[in-house]
Amino acid sequence: MKVIAALHAPALGGVLLGSAFRGDVAGCGATRLQVNLDDDAVAPAMRFGPGAPITAVVSVWTSGSVGSLVDVVRRLDASADLWRVEEREPLPPPAVADGERADALANFAFLRRPDSLSKEAWRADWLDRHTQVAIDTQGTFGYVQNPVLEALTSEAPGVAGIVEELFPMAGMSDHHAFYGSGGDEAEFQRRFAALMESCERFGAAQGLDLVPTSRYTFTLA
């Protein structure tokens, strides 16, 4: 089982990367932990969205108590939102040593389903059609999709899916690096138009929260 938490409190990086937090998460039955921080390394990157600003994203793989995990996260940030998700990795991120920052701009997008699409139609369009378009039109080297199965906190916004995309760090300031267009402006324009058209089809061109982050992973067991 995978759980994703969106935290809103500032200056949690030191705590989330610390051994005490890993111990608390492991005590809930978790075997893996991923911490993503909106920190100084990604300060120049774009961020936006209708929801409360997200300062960190925590992903936990666990067979233990979800309630205990919610309690651990909410002791750090009482406003944290948590979801149980299903994980798909159409483009698995490169492995990085425990506690080492991945050499990437790791963008998280929290997606909302428009009322015009049923849950089944939205999921199929995102997972079955849009996936290859997103990979083909961007300079990503890691692409992880997390369809939301249920909200674990009552105040959580109506997020239907959470996607993490890894880009070269140069993508923060160079649109060719971000879109993988190799310095060709016409190719960039083609890729951008194709991506926006695809996003529009399932409602991802609006109503999403975009969070740039630094990515850290840990093995707990």
N, C-alpha and C. Protein backbone atom coordinates (compact mmCIF):
# COMPACT_ATOMS: atom_id res chain seq x y z
N MET A 1 0.85 -1.19 0.00
CA MET A 1 0.00 0.00 0.00
C MET A 1 0.88 1.24 0.00
N LYS A 2 0.49 2.23 -0.78
CA LYS A 2 1.22 3.49 -0.83
C LYS A 2 0.32 4.61 -0.34
N VAL A 3 0.89 5.48 0.49
CA VAL A 3 0.19 6.65 1.01
C VAL A 3 1.01 7.88 0.66
N ILE A 4 0.32 8.93 0.20
CA ILE A 4 0.98 10.20 -0.10
C ILE A 4 0.39 11.28 0.79
N ALA A 5 1.28 12.08 1.37
CA ALA A 5 0.88 13.18 2.24
C ALA A 5 1.38 14.50 1.65
N ALA A 6 0.53 15.49 1.62
CA ALA A 6 0.91 16.85 1.23
C ALA A 6 0.95 17.70 2.49
N LEU A 7 2.12 18.25 2.79
CA LEU A 7 2.29 19.07 3.99
C LEU A 7 2.35 20.54 3.60
N HIS A 8 1.93 21.39 4.52
CA HIS A 8 1.82 22.82 4.24
C HIS A 8 2.66 23.68 5.18
N ALA A 9 3.10 23.13 6.27
CA ALA A 9 3.89 23.91 7.24
C ALA A 9 5.27 24.21 6.68
N PRO A 10 5.84 25.35 7.02
CA PRO A 10 7.18 25.70 6.52
C PRO A 10 8.29 25.04 7.31
N ALA A 11 9.47 25.01 6.70
CA ALA A 11 10.72 24.63 7.38
C ALA A 11 10.66 23.25 8.03
N LEU A 12 10.10 22.26 7.31
CA LEU A 12 10.04 20.91 7.84
C LEU A 12 11.14 20.00 7.28
N GLY A 13 11.96 20.53 6.39
CA GLY A 13 12.94 19.69 5.71
C GLY A 13 13.85 18.93 6.64
N GLY A 14 14.40 19.61 7.63
CA GLY A 14 15.31 18.95 8.56
C GLY A 14 14.65 17.83 9.33
N VAL A 15 13.39 18.02 9.69
CA VAL A 15 12.66 16.99 10.44
C VAL A 15 12.33 15.81 9.53
N LEU A 16 11.83 16.09 8.33
CA LEU A 16 11.39 15.02 7.43
C LEU A 16 12.56 14.17 6.95
N LEU A 17 13.75 14.75 6.88
CA LEU A 17 14.93 14.00 6.46
C LEU A 17 15.68 13.38 7.63
N GLY A 18 15.18 13.58 8.84
CA GLY A 18 15.87 13.12 10.04
C GLY A 18 15.55 11.68 10.40
N SER A 19 16.43 11.10 11.20
CA SER A 19 16.29 9.69 11.58
C SER A 19 15.09 9.46 12.49
N ALA A 20 14.72 10.45 13.30
CA ALA A 20 13.58 10.26 14.21
C ALA A 20 12.30 10.07 13.42
N PHE A 21 12.11 10.86 12.36
CA PHE A 21 10.91 10.72 11.54
C PHE A 21 10.90 9.36 10.84
N ARG A 22 12.05 8.95 10.32
CA ARG A 22 12.12 7.63 9.68
C ARG A 22 11.77 6.53 10.68
N GLY A 23 12.24 6.68 11.91
CA GLY A 23 11.91 5.68 12.93
C GLY A 23 10.43 5.64 13.23
N ASP A 24 9.80 6.81 13.30
CA ASP A 24 8.36 6.85 13.56
C ASP A 24 7.58 6.22 12.42
N VAL A 25 8.00 6.49 11.18
CA VAL A 25 7.31 5.93 10.02
C VAL A 25 7.51 4.41 9.96
N ALA A 26 8.73 3.98 10.22
CA ALA A 26 9.01 2.54 10.24
C ALA A 26 8.19 1.84 11.32
N GLY A 27 7.98 2.53 12.43
CA GLY A 27 7.18 1.97 13.52
C GLY A 27 5.73 1.75 13.14
N CYS A 28 5.28 2.38 12.06
CA CYS A 28 3.91 2.18 11.56
C CYS A 28 3.84 1.01 10.57
N GLY A 29 4.96 0.34 10.35
CA GLY A 29 4.99 -0.79 9.43
C GLY A 29 5.48 -0.45 8.05
N ALA A 30 6.05 0.74 7.86
CA ALA A 30 6.50 1.16 6.54
C ALA A 30 7.83 0.51 6.17
N THR A 31 8.01 0.25 4.89
CA THR A 31 9.26 -0.33 4.39
C THR A 31 10.05 0.65 3.53
N ARG A 32 9.39 1.66 2.99
CA ARG A 32 10.06 2.67 2.15
C ARG A 32 9.48 4.04 2.45
N LEU A 33 10.35 5.05 2.27
CA LEU A 33 9.94 6.43 2.51
C LEU A 33 10.55 7.30 1.42
N GLN A 34 9.75 8.22 0.91
CA GLN A 34 10.25 9.22 -0.03
C GLN A 34 9.84 10.60 0.48
N VAL A 35 10.80 11.51 0.51
CA VAL A 35 10.56 12.88 0.98
C VAL A 35 10.88 13.83 -0.17
N ASN A 36 9.92 14.67 -0.51
CA ASN A 36 10.10 15.69 -1.55
C ASN A 36 9.88 17.05 -0.93
N LEU A 37 10.86 17.94 -1.10
CA LEU A 37 10.84 19.25 -0.45
C LEU A 37 10.86 20.37 -1.47
N ASP A 38 9.97 21.34 -1.29
CA ASP A 38 10.05 22.59 -2.06
C ASP A 38 11.06 23.46 -1.33
N ASP A 39 12.32 23.36 -1.76
CA ASP A 39 13.41 23.98 -1.01
C ASP A 39 14.21 24.94 -1.89
N ASP A 40 15.33 25.41 -1.38
CA ASP A 40 16.13 26.40 -2.10
C ASP A 40 16.63 25.88 -3.44
N ALA A 41 16.89 24.59 -3.54
CA ALA A 41 17.43 24.03 -4.79
C ALA A 41 16.47 24.20 -5.95
N VAL A 42 15.17 24.26 -5.67
CA VAL A 42 14.17 24.40 -6.74
C VAL A 42 13.44 25.74 -6.67
N ALA A 43 14.02 26.70 -5.95
CA ALA A 43 13.36 28.00 -5.77
C ALA A 43 13.01 28.68 -7.08
N PRO A 44 13.83 28.58 -8.15
CA PRO A 44 13.47 29.28 -9.40
C PRO A 44 12.34 28.63 -10.18
N ALA A 45 11.91 27.42 -9.81
CA ALA A 45 10.93 26.68 -10.59
C ALA A 45 9.53 27.25 -10.42
N MET A 46 8.68 26.91 -11.38
CA MET A 46 7.28 27.35 -11.36
C MET A 46 6.49 26.54 -10.35
N ARG A 47 5.58 27.22 -9.64
CA ARG A 47 4.64 26.56 -8.73
C ARG A 47 3.33 27.33 -8.76
N PHE A 48 2.21 26.62 -8.70
CA PHE A 48 0.91 27.28 -8.73
C PHE A 48 -0.16 26.29 -8.29
N GLY A 49 -1.39 26.78 -8.16
CA GLY A 49 -2.52 25.92 -7.86
C GLY A 49 -3.56 26.58 -7.00
N PRO A 50 -4.76 26.03 -7.03
CA PRO A 50 -5.85 26.59 -6.24
C PRO A 50 -5.83 26.19 -4.77
N GLY A 51 -5.08 25.15 -4.43
CA GLY A 51 -5.06 24.68 -3.06
C GLY A 51 -4.07 25.44 -2.20
N ALA A 52 -4.07 25.11 -0.90
CA ALA A 52 -3.09 25.71 0.01
C ALA A 52 -1.69 25.34 -0.44
N PRO A 53 -0.73 26.28 -0.37
CA PRO A 53 0.64 25.98 -0.81
C PRO A 53 1.19 24.73 -0.13
N ILE A 54 1.82 23.87 -0.93
CA ILE A 54 2.39 22.62 -0.44
C ILE A 54 3.90 22.79 -0.31
N THR A 55 4.42 22.54 0.87
CA THR A 55 5.86 22.73 1.12
C THR A 55 6.64 21.43 1.05
N ALA A 56 5.95 20.30 1.19
CA ALA A 56 6.62 19.00 1.16
C ALA A 56 5.60 17.92 0.80
N VAL A 57 6.10 16.88 0.15
CA VAL A 57 5.28 15.71 -0.17
C VAL A 57 6.00 14.49 0.39
N VAL A 58 5.30 13.70 1.16
CA VAL A 58 5.87 12.49 1.75
C VAL A 58 5.13 11.28 1.18
N SER A 59 5.88 10.32 0.66
CA SER A 59 5.30 9.07 0.15
C SER A 59 5.79 7.92 1.02
N VAL A 60 4.87 7.04 1.39
CA VAL A 60 5.20 5.93 2.29
C VAL A 60 4.61 4.64 1.73
N TRP A 61 5.43 3.59 1.69
CA TRP A 61 4.98 2.26 1.31
C TRP A 61 4.88 1.44 2.60
N THR A 62 3.68 0.92 2.89
CA THR A 62 3.47 0.30 4.18
C THR A 62 2.44 -0.82 4.11
N SER A 63 2.57 -1.78 5.00
CA SER A 63 1.54 -2.80 5.20
C SER A 63 0.94 -2.65 6.59
N GLY A 64 1.27 -1.56 7.24
CA GLY A 64 0.84 -1.35 8.62
C GLY A 64 -0.39 -0.48 8.75
N SER A 65 -0.51 0.15 9.89
CA SER A 65 -1.69 0.93 10.25
C SER A 65 -1.69 2.28 9.55
N VAL A 66 -2.72 2.52 8.76
CA VAL A 66 -2.85 3.82 8.10
C VAL A 66 -3.13 4.91 9.13
N GLY A 67 -3.96 4.59 10.11
CA GLY A 67 -4.28 5.57 11.14
C GLY A 67 -3.06 6.04 11.90
N SER A 68 -2.16 5.10 12.22
CA SER A 68 -0.93 5.48 12.93
C SER A 68 -0.04 6.37 12.07
N LEU A 69 0.00 6.08 10.76
CA LEU A 69 0.79 6.89 9.85
C LEU A 69 0.23 8.30 9.73
N VAL A 70 -1.08 8.42 9.65
CA VAL A 70 -1.71 9.74 9.62
C VAL A 70 -1.34 10.52 10.88
N ASP A 71 -1.37 9.85 12.02
CA ASP A 71 -1.03 10.51 13.28
C ASP A 71 0.42 11.00 13.29
N VAL A 72 1.34 10.19 12.76
CA VAL A 72 2.76 10.57 12.72
C VAL A 72 2.95 11.83 11.88
N VAL A 73 2.32 11.85 10.72
CA VAL A 73 2.46 13.01 9.83
C VAL A 73 1.79 14.23 10.42
N ARG A 74 0.63 14.06 11.00
CA ARG A 74 -0.11 15.21 11.50
C ARG A 74 0.45 15.76 12.81
N ARG A 75 1.30 15.01 13.46
CA ARG A 75 2.01 15.58 14.61
C ARG A 75 2.99 16.65 14.14
N LEU A 76 3.48 16.50 12.92
CA LEU A 76 4.39 17.51 12.36
C LEU A 76 3.64 18.67 11.73
N ASP A 77 2.50 18.37 11.13
CA ASP A 77 1.71 19.39 10.45
C ASP A 77 0.24 19.00 10.55
N ALA A 78 -0.48 19.67 11.43
CA ALA A 78 -1.89 19.34 11.66
C ALA A 78 -2.75 19.58 10.44
N SER A 79 -2.25 20.35 9.47
CA SER A 79 -3.04 20.66 8.26
C SER A 79 -2.69 19.72 7.10
N ALA A 80 -1.85 18.72 7.32
CA ALA A 80 -1.43 17.82 6.24
C ALA A 80 -2.63 17.06 5.68
N ASP A 81 -2.61 16.85 4.37
CA ASP A 81 -3.63 16.05 3.69
C ASP A 81 -2.99 14.74 3.25
N LEU A 82 -3.71 13.63 3.42
CA LEU A 82 -3.18 12.31 3.07
C LEU A 82 -4.17 11.54 2.23
N TRP A 83 -3.62 10.74 1.29
CA TRP A 83 -4.42 9.90 0.42
C TRP A 83 -3.80 8.51 0.31
N ARG A 84 -4.61 7.50 0.18
CA ARG A 84 -4.15 6.17 -0.22
C ARG A 84 -4.23 6.10 -1.73
N VAL A 85 -3.16 5.64 -2.35
CA VAL A 85 -3.08 5.69 -3.81
C VAL A 85 -2.67 4.33 -4.37
N GLU A 86 -2.88 4.20 -5.67
CA GLU A 86 -2.36 3.09 -6.46
C GLU A 86 -1.18 3.62 -7.26
N GLU A 87 -0.08 2.89 -7.29
CA GLU A 87 1.12 3.39 -7.95
C GLU A 87 1.34 2.72 -9.30
N ARG A 88 1.68 3.55 -10.31
CA ARG A 88 2.12 3.07 -11.62
C ARG A 88 3.40 3.81 -11.99
N GLU A 89 4.35 3.10 -12.59
CA GLU A 89 5.63 3.70 -12.98
C GLU A 89 5.90 3.46 -14.47
N PRO A 90 5.25 4.21 -15.35
CA PRO A 90 5.53 4.03 -16.78
C PRO A 90 6.96 4.40 -17.16
N LEU A 91 7.61 5.25 -16.37
CA LEU A 91 9.02 5.60 -16.59
C LEU A 91 9.69 5.64 -15.22
N PRO A 92 10.21 4.50 -14.72
CA PRO A 92 10.74 4.44 -13.35
C PRO A 92 11.90 5.42 -13.15
N PRO A 93 11.89 6.19 -12.07
CA PRO A 93 13.00 7.10 -11.78
C PRO A 93 14.29 6.33 -11.52
N PRO A 94 15.43 6.92 -11.84
CA PRO A 94 16.71 6.25 -11.56
C PRO A 94 16.90 6.04 -10.05
N ALA A 95 17.56 4.94 -9.70
CA ALA A 95 17.83 4.66 -8.30
C ALA A 95 18.89 5.63 -7.78
N VAL A 96 18.70 6.06 -6.53
CA VAL A 96 19.62 6.98 -5.86
C VAL A 96 19.89 6.43 -4.46
N ALA A 97 21.08 6.59 -3.96
CA ALA A 97 21.41 6.11 -2.62
C ALA A 97 20.53 6.75 -1.56
N ASP A 98 20.28 6.00 -0.50
CA ASP A 98 19.44 6.49 0.60
C ASP A 98 19.94 7.85 1.10
N GLY A 99 19.03 8.80 1.20
CA GLY A 99 19.33 10.10 1.76
C GLY A 99 20.05 11.04 0.83
N GLU A 100 20.34 10.60 -0.39
CA GLU A 100 21.03 11.45 -1.36
C GLU A 100 20.01 12.16 -2.24
N ARG A 101 20.22 13.46 -2.46
CA ARG A 101 19.29 14.20 -3.31
C ARG A 101 19.40 13.72 -4.76
N ALA A 102 18.27 13.38 -5.36
CA ALA A 102 18.28 13.02 -6.77
C ALA A 102 18.65 14.25 -7.60
N ASP A 103 19.43 14.06 -8.63
CA ASP A 103 19.82 15.16 -9.50
C ASP A 103 18.68 15.45 -10.47
N ALA A 104 17.64 16.08 -9.95
CA ALA A 104 16.42 16.27 -10.73
C ALA A 104 15.56 17.37 -10.14
N LEU A 105 14.79 17.98 -11.00
CA LEU A 105 13.64 18.78 -10.60
C LEU A 105 12.46 17.82 -10.58
N ALA A 106 11.97 17.48 -9.41
CA ALA A 106 10.87 16.53 -9.27
C ALA A 106 9.57 17.32 -9.07
N ASN A 107 8.79 17.39 -10.13
CA ASN A 107 7.53 18.14 -10.08
C ASN A 107 6.38 17.21 -9.68
N PHE A 108 5.61 17.64 -8.68
CA PHE A 108 4.38 16.95 -8.32
C PHE A 108 3.19 17.76 -8.83
N ALA A 109 2.24 17.07 -9.45
CA ALA A 109 0.98 17.70 -9.85
C ALA A 109 -0.16 16.96 -9.18
N PHE A 110 -1.00 17.70 -8.48
CA PHE A 110 -2.18 17.16 -7.82
C PHE A 110 -3.37 17.47 -8.71
N LEU A 111 -3.94 16.43 -9.31
CA LEU A 111 -4.93 16.57 -10.37
C LEU A 111 -6.35 16.44 -9.83
N ARG A 112 -7.25 17.24 -10.39
CA ARG A 112 -8.66 17.18 -10.03
C ARG A 112 -9.47 16.74 -11.25
N ARG A 113 -10.46 15.90 -11.03
CA ARG A 113 -11.31 15.42 -12.12
C ARG A 113 -12.43 16.41 -12.39
N PRO A 114 -12.59 16.86 -13.64
CA PRO A 114 -13.69 17.78 -13.95
C PRO A 114 -15.04 17.06 -13.87
N ASP A 115 -16.09 17.79 -13.55
CA ASP A 115 -17.42 17.20 -13.42
C ASP A 115 -17.92 16.60 -14.72
N SER A 116 -17.37 17.05 -15.83
CA SER A 116 -17.83 16.58 -17.14
C SER A 116 -17.39 15.15 -17.46
N LEU A 117 -16.45 14.61 -16.68
CA LEU A 117 -15.95 13.26 -16.91
C LEU A 117 -16.27 12.35 -15.73
N SER A 118 -16.73 11.13 -16.03
CA SER A 118 -16.92 10.15 -14.97
C SER A 118 -15.56 9.73 -14.44
N LYS A 119 -15.56 9.12 -13.27
CA LYS A 119 -14.32 8.64 -12.68
C LYS A 119 -13.63 7.65 -13.61
N GLU A 120 -14.41 6.76 -14.22
CA GLU A 120 -13.83 5.74 -15.09
C GLU A 120 -13.24 6.36 -16.35
N ALA A 121 -13.97 7.31 -16.95
CA ALA A 121 -13.49 7.96 -18.18
C ALA A 121 -12.25 8.79 -17.91
N TRP A 122 -12.25 9.50 -16.79
CA TRP A 122 -11.10 10.33 -16.44
C TRP A 122 -9.85 9.48 -16.23
N ARG A 123 -10.01 8.40 -15.48
CA ARG A 123 -8.88 7.53 -15.18
C ARG A 123 -8.33 6.91 -16.47
N ALA A 124 -9.21 6.43 -17.33
CA ALA A 124 -8.77 5.81 -18.58
C ALA A 124 -8.05 6.81 -19.46
N ASP A 125 -8.55 8.03 -19.54
CA ASP A 125 -7.92 9.02 -20.41
C ASP A 125 -6.54 9.40 -19.89
N TRP A 126 -6.43 9.54 -18.58
CA TRP A 126 -5.13 9.89 -18.00
C TRP A 126 -4.13 8.75 -18.14
N LEU A 127 -4.52 7.55 -17.69
CA LEU A 127 -3.58 6.44 -17.59
C LEU A 127 -3.31 5.77 -18.93
N ASP A 128 -4.33 5.67 -19.77
CA ASP A 128 -4.19 4.89 -21.00
C ASP A 128 -3.84 5.73 -22.23
N ARG A 129 -4.29 6.99 -22.28
CA ARG A 129 -4.02 7.81 -23.46
C ARG A 129 -2.94 8.85 -23.22
N HIS A 130 -3.07 9.61 -22.10
CA HIS A 130 -2.20 10.76 -21.89
C HIS A 130 -0.78 10.37 -21.54
N THR A 131 -0.59 9.23 -20.92
CA THR A 131 0.73 8.84 -20.42
C THR A 131 1.82 8.96 -21.48
N GLN A 132 1.61 8.35 -22.62
CA GLN A 132 2.65 8.36 -23.65
C GLN A 132 2.85 9.76 -24.23
N VAL A 133 1.76 10.53 -24.31
CA VAL A 133 1.89 11.91 -24.79
C VAL A 133 2.80 12.70 -23.86
N ALA A 134 2.58 12.56 -22.55
CA ALA A 134 3.38 13.30 -21.57
C ALA A 134 4.85 12.92 -21.66
N ILE A 135 5.14 11.64 -21.83
CA ILE A 135 6.52 11.18 -21.91
C ILE A 135 7.17 11.64 -23.22
N ASP A 136 6.40 11.60 -24.31
CA ASP A 136 6.95 11.95 -25.62
C ASP A 136 7.18 13.44 -25.81
N THR A 137 6.48 14.28 -25.06
CA THR A 137 6.55 15.72 -25.30
C THR A 137 7.37 16.47 -24.26
N GLN A 138 7.96 15.77 -23.28
CA GLN A 138 8.71 16.43 -22.24
C GLN A 138 10.07 15.74 -22.05
N GLY A 139 10.97 16.46 -21.39
CA GLY A 139 12.31 15.91 -21.14
C GLY A 139 12.38 15.11 -19.87
N THR A 140 11.35 14.36 -19.56
CA THR A 140 11.29 13.61 -18.30
C THR A 140 12.17 12.36 -18.36
N PHE A 141 12.76 12.01 -17.21
CA PHE A 141 13.47 10.74 -17.09
C PHE A 141 12.94 9.95 -15.90
N GLY A 142 11.78 10.33 -15.41
CA GLY A 142 11.06 9.61 -14.37
C GLY A 142 9.62 10.06 -14.38
N TYR A 143 8.68 9.11 -14.36
CA TYR A 143 7.26 9.47 -14.46
C TYR A 143 6.46 8.47 -13.64
N VAL A 144 5.87 8.93 -12.55
CA VAL A 144 5.15 8.06 -11.61
C VAL A 144 3.73 8.58 -11.46
N GLN A 145 2.76 7.71 -11.71
CA GLN A 145 1.35 8.07 -11.58
C GLN A 145 0.75 7.42 -10.34
N ASN A 146 -0.09 8.19 -9.64
CA ASN A 146 -0.71 7.71 -8.41
C ASN A 146 -2.21 8.02 -8.42
N PRO A 147 -3.03 7.18 -9.06
CA PRO A 147 -4.47 7.38 -8.94
C PRO A 147 -4.91 7.28 -7.49
N VAL A 148 -5.72 8.22 -7.05
CA VAL A 148 -6.17 8.25 -5.65
C VAL A 148 -7.28 7.24 -5.44
N LEU A 149 -7.13 6.40 -4.42
CA LEU A 149 -8.15 5.42 -4.06
C LEU A 149 -9.08 5.96 -2.99
N GLU A 150 -8.53 6.71 -2.03
CA GLU A 150 -9.37 7.33 -0.99
C GLU A 150 -8.58 8.40 -0.25
N ALA A 151 -9.31 9.40 0.23
CA ALA A 151 -8.72 10.41 1.10
C ALA A 151 -8.67 9.85 2.52
N LEU A 152 -7.57 10.09 3.21
CA LEU A 152 -7.40 9.58 4.58
C LEU A 152 -7.62 10.66 5.62
N THR A 153 -7.80 11.91 5.18
CA THR A 153 -8.11 13.02 6.08
C THR A 153 -9.35 13.73 5.56
N SER A 154 -10.23 14.10 6.45
CA SER A 154 -11.54 14.61 6.04
C SER A 154 -11.46 15.93 5.30
N GLU A 155 -10.41 16.72 5.55
CA GLU A 155 -10.31 18.04 4.93
C GLU A 155 -9.56 18.01 3.61
N ALA A 156 -9.11 16.83 3.18
CA ALA A 156 -8.30 16.75 1.97
C ALA A 156 -9.09 17.24 0.76
N PRO A 157 -8.47 18.03 -0.11
CA PRO A 157 -9.16 18.48 -1.31
C PRO A 157 -9.48 17.30 -2.23
N GLY A 158 -10.39 17.52 -3.15
CA GLY A 158 -10.85 16.46 -4.05
C GLY A 158 -9.86 16.14 -5.14
N VAL A 159 -8.73 15.58 -4.77
CA VAL A 159 -7.68 15.22 -5.71
C VAL A 159 -7.96 13.82 -6.23
N ALA A 160 -7.93 13.65 -7.56
CA ALA A 160 -8.22 12.36 -8.17
C ALA A 160 -6.95 11.60 -8.55
N GLY A 161 -5.86 12.32 -8.73
CA GLY A 161 -4.61 11.68 -9.10
C GLY A 161 -3.43 12.57 -8.76
N ILE A 162 -2.30 11.93 -8.50
CA ILE A 162 -1.07 12.64 -8.15
C ILE A 162 0.03 12.08 -9.05
N VAL A 163 0.71 12.97 -9.77
CA VAL A 163 1.76 12.52 -10.69
C VAL A 163 3.07 13.19 -10.31
N GLU A 164 4.16 12.42 -10.37
CA GLU A 164 5.50 12.96 -10.14
C GLU A 164 6.31 12.79 -11.42
N GLU A 165 6.92 13.88 -11.89
CA GLU A 165 7.72 13.87 -13.10
C GLU A 165 9.10 14.43 -12.79
N LEU A 166 10.13 13.71 -13.22
CA LEU A 166 11.51 14.14 -12.99
C LEU A 166 12.08 14.76 -14.26
N PHE A 167 12.60 16.00 -14.11
CA PHE A 167 13.18 16.75 -15.21
C PHE A 167 14.64 17.08 -14.89
N PRO A 168 15.44 17.39 -15.91
CA PRO A 168 16.78 17.91 -15.64
C PRO A 168 16.67 19.22 -14.85
N MET A 169 17.62 19.46 -13.98
CA MET A 169 17.61 20.70 -13.20
C MET A 169 17.61 21.93 -14.10
N ALA A 170 18.23 21.82 -15.26
CA ALA A 170 18.26 22.94 -16.20
C ALA A 170 16.86 23.34 -16.67
N GLY A 171 15.90 22.43 -16.52
CA GLY A 171 14.53 22.72 -16.94
C GLY A 171 13.87 23.84 -16.17
N MET A 172 14.45 24.24 -15.04
CA MET A 172 13.89 25.37 -14.29
C MET A 172 14.01 26.68 -15.06
N SER A 173 15.02 26.78 -15.92
CA SER A 173 15.25 28.04 -16.63
C SER A 173 15.33 27.88 -18.14
N ASP A 174 15.41 26.65 -18.63
CA ASP A 174 15.57 26.39 -20.06
C ASP A 174 14.40 25.53 -20.54
N HIS A 175 13.51 26.13 -21.34
CA HIS A 175 12.33 25.38 -21.77
C HIS A 175 12.68 24.22 -22.69
N HIS A 176 13.81 24.30 -23.38
CA HIS A 176 14.23 23.18 -24.22
C HIS A 176 14.64 21.99 -23.36
N ALA A 177 15.29 22.25 -22.23
CA ALA A 177 15.64 21.17 -21.31
C ALA A 177 14.38 20.56 -20.70
N PHE A 178 13.40 21.39 -20.39
CA PHE A 178 12.16 20.91 -19.78
C PHE A 178 11.37 20.05 -20.76
N TYR A 179 11.30 20.48 -22.00
CA TYR A 179 10.49 19.76 -23.00
C TYR A 179 11.31 18.81 -23.88
N GLY A 180 12.62 18.75 -23.66
CA GLY A 180 13.43 17.83 -24.43
C GLY A 180 13.49 18.14 -25.91
N SER A 181 13.41 19.41 -26.25
CA SER A 181 13.32 19.81 -27.66
C SER A 181 14.66 20.14 -28.29
N GLY A 182 15.76 19.95 -27.55
CA GLY A 182 17.09 20.04 -28.12
C GLY A 182 17.45 21.36 -28.76
N GLY A 183 16.89 22.45 -28.28
CA GLY A 183 17.20 23.77 -28.81
C GLY A 183 16.42 24.15 -30.06
N ASP A 184 15.55 23.28 -30.53
CA ASP A 184 14.75 23.53 -31.73
C ASP A 184 13.44 24.19 -31.32
N GLU A 185 13.29 25.48 -31.64
CA GLU A 185 12.11 26.22 -31.18
C GLU A 185 10.82 25.68 -31.79
N ALA A 186 10.86 25.29 -33.05
CA ALA A 186 9.67 24.74 -33.69
C ALA A 186 9.25 23.43 -33.02
N GLU A 187 10.24 22.59 -32.67
CA GLU A 187 9.94 21.34 -31.99
C GLU A 187 9.38 21.62 -30.60
N PHE A 188 9.93 22.61 -29.91
CA PHE A 188 9.37 22.99 -28.61
C PHE A 188 7.90 23.39 -28.75
N GLN A 189 7.60 24.23 -29.72
CA GLN A 189 6.22 24.69 -29.92
C GLN A 189 5.30 23.51 -30.23
N ARG A 190 5.77 22.57 -31.03
CA ARG A 190 4.96 21.39 -31.35
C ARG A 190 4.68 20.56 -30.10
N ARG A 191 5.74 20.31 -29.32
CA ARG A 191 5.58 19.52 -28.10
C ARG A 191 4.66 20.21 -27.10
N PHE A 192 4.86 21.51 -26.92
CA PHE A 192 4.04 22.24 -25.96
C PHE A 192 2.57 22.20 -26.36
N ALA A 193 2.27 22.42 -27.64
CA ALA A 193 0.89 22.41 -28.11
C ALA A 193 0.25 21.04 -27.94
N ALA A 194 1.01 19.97 -28.26
CA ALA A 194 0.48 18.62 -28.12
C ALA A 194 0.20 18.28 -26.66
N LEU A 195 1.10 18.70 -25.76
CA LEU A 195 0.91 18.42 -24.34
C LEU A 195 -0.30 19.16 -23.79
N MET A 196 -0.43 20.45 -24.14
CA MET A 196 -1.56 21.23 -23.64
C MET A 196 -2.89 20.69 -24.16
N GLU A 197 -2.92 20.27 -25.40
CA GLU A 197 -4.15 19.69 -25.96
C GLU A 197 -4.52 18.41 -25.23
N SER A 198 -3.51 17.60 -24.94
CA SER A 198 -3.76 16.35 -24.23
C SER A 198 -4.24 16.61 -22.80
N CYS A 199 -3.59 17.57 -22.13
CA CYS A 199 -4.00 17.92 -20.76
C CYS A 199 -5.43 18.45 -20.72
N GLU A 200 -5.79 19.24 -21.72
CA GLU A 200 -7.13 19.82 -21.77
C GLU A 200 -8.19 18.74 -21.86
N ARG A 201 -7.89 17.64 -22.53
CA ARG A 201 -8.89 16.59 -22.74
C ARG A 201 -9.36 15.96 -21.44
N PHE A 202 -8.48 15.88 -20.43
CA PHE A 202 -8.92 15.26 -19.17
C PHE A 202 -8.87 16.25 -18.00
N GLY A 203 -8.84 17.54 -18.32
CA GLY A 203 -9.01 18.56 -17.29
C GLY A 203 -7.76 18.93 -16.54
N ALA A 204 -6.58 18.51 -17.02
CA ALA A 204 -5.34 18.81 -16.31
C ALA A 204 -4.72 20.13 -16.73
N ALA A 205 -5.38 20.84 -17.63
CA ALA A 205 -4.85 22.15 -18.03
C ALA A 205 -5.27 23.23 -17.04
N GLN A 206 -6.13 22.88 -16.10
CA GLN A 206 -6.54 23.83 -15.07
C GLN A 206 -6.89 23.04 -13.80
N GLY A 207 -6.97 23.75 -12.68
CA GLY A 207 -7.40 23.12 -11.44
C GLY A 207 -6.42 22.16 -10.83
N LEU A 208 -5.12 22.32 -11.14
CA LEU A 208 -4.15 21.43 -10.50
C LEU A 208 -3.16 22.24 -9.66
N ASP A 209 -2.59 21.58 -8.68
CA ASP A 209 -1.53 22.17 -7.87
C ASP A 209 -0.20 21.62 -8.38
N LEU A 210 0.72 22.50 -8.75
CA LEU A 210 2.05 22.10 -9.21
C LEU A 210 3.07 22.48 -8.14
N VAL A 211 3.87 21.49 -7.72
CA VAL A 211 4.84 21.68 -6.64
C VAL A 211 6.21 21.21 -7.11
N PRO A 212 7.18 22.11 -7.25
CA PRO A 212 8.55 21.67 -7.58
C PRO A 212 9.26 21.21 -6.32
N THR A 213 10.05 20.14 -6.43
CA THR A 213 10.68 19.60 -5.23
C THR A 213 12.06 19.02 -5.50
N SER A 214 12.80 18.87 -4.40
CA SER A 214 13.99 18.02 -4.33
C SER A 214 13.55 16.67 -3.79
N ARG A 215 14.12 15.58 -4.33
CA ARG A 215 13.63 14.22 -4.06
C ARG A 215 14.67 13.41 -3.28
N TYR A 216 14.22 12.77 -2.19
CA TYR A 216 15.06 11.90 -1.36
C TYR A 216 14.30 10.59 -1.09
N THR A 217 15.01 9.48 -1.10
CA THR A 217 14.38 8.19 -0.83
C THR A 217 15.16 7.45 0.27
N PHE A 218 14.42 6.59 0.99
CA PHE A 218 15.00 5.82 2.09
C PHE A 218 14.39 4.43 2.12
N THR A 219 15.23 3.43 2.37
CA THR A 219 14.76 2.08 2.64
C THR A 219 14.66 1.91 4.15
N LEU A 220 13.51 1.47 4.62
CA LEU A 220 13.28 1.38 6.06
C LEU A 220 13.37 -0.06 6.58
N ALA A 221 13.21 -1.03 5.71
CA ALA A 221 13.25 -2.43 6.16
C ALA A 221 13.70 -3.31 5.01
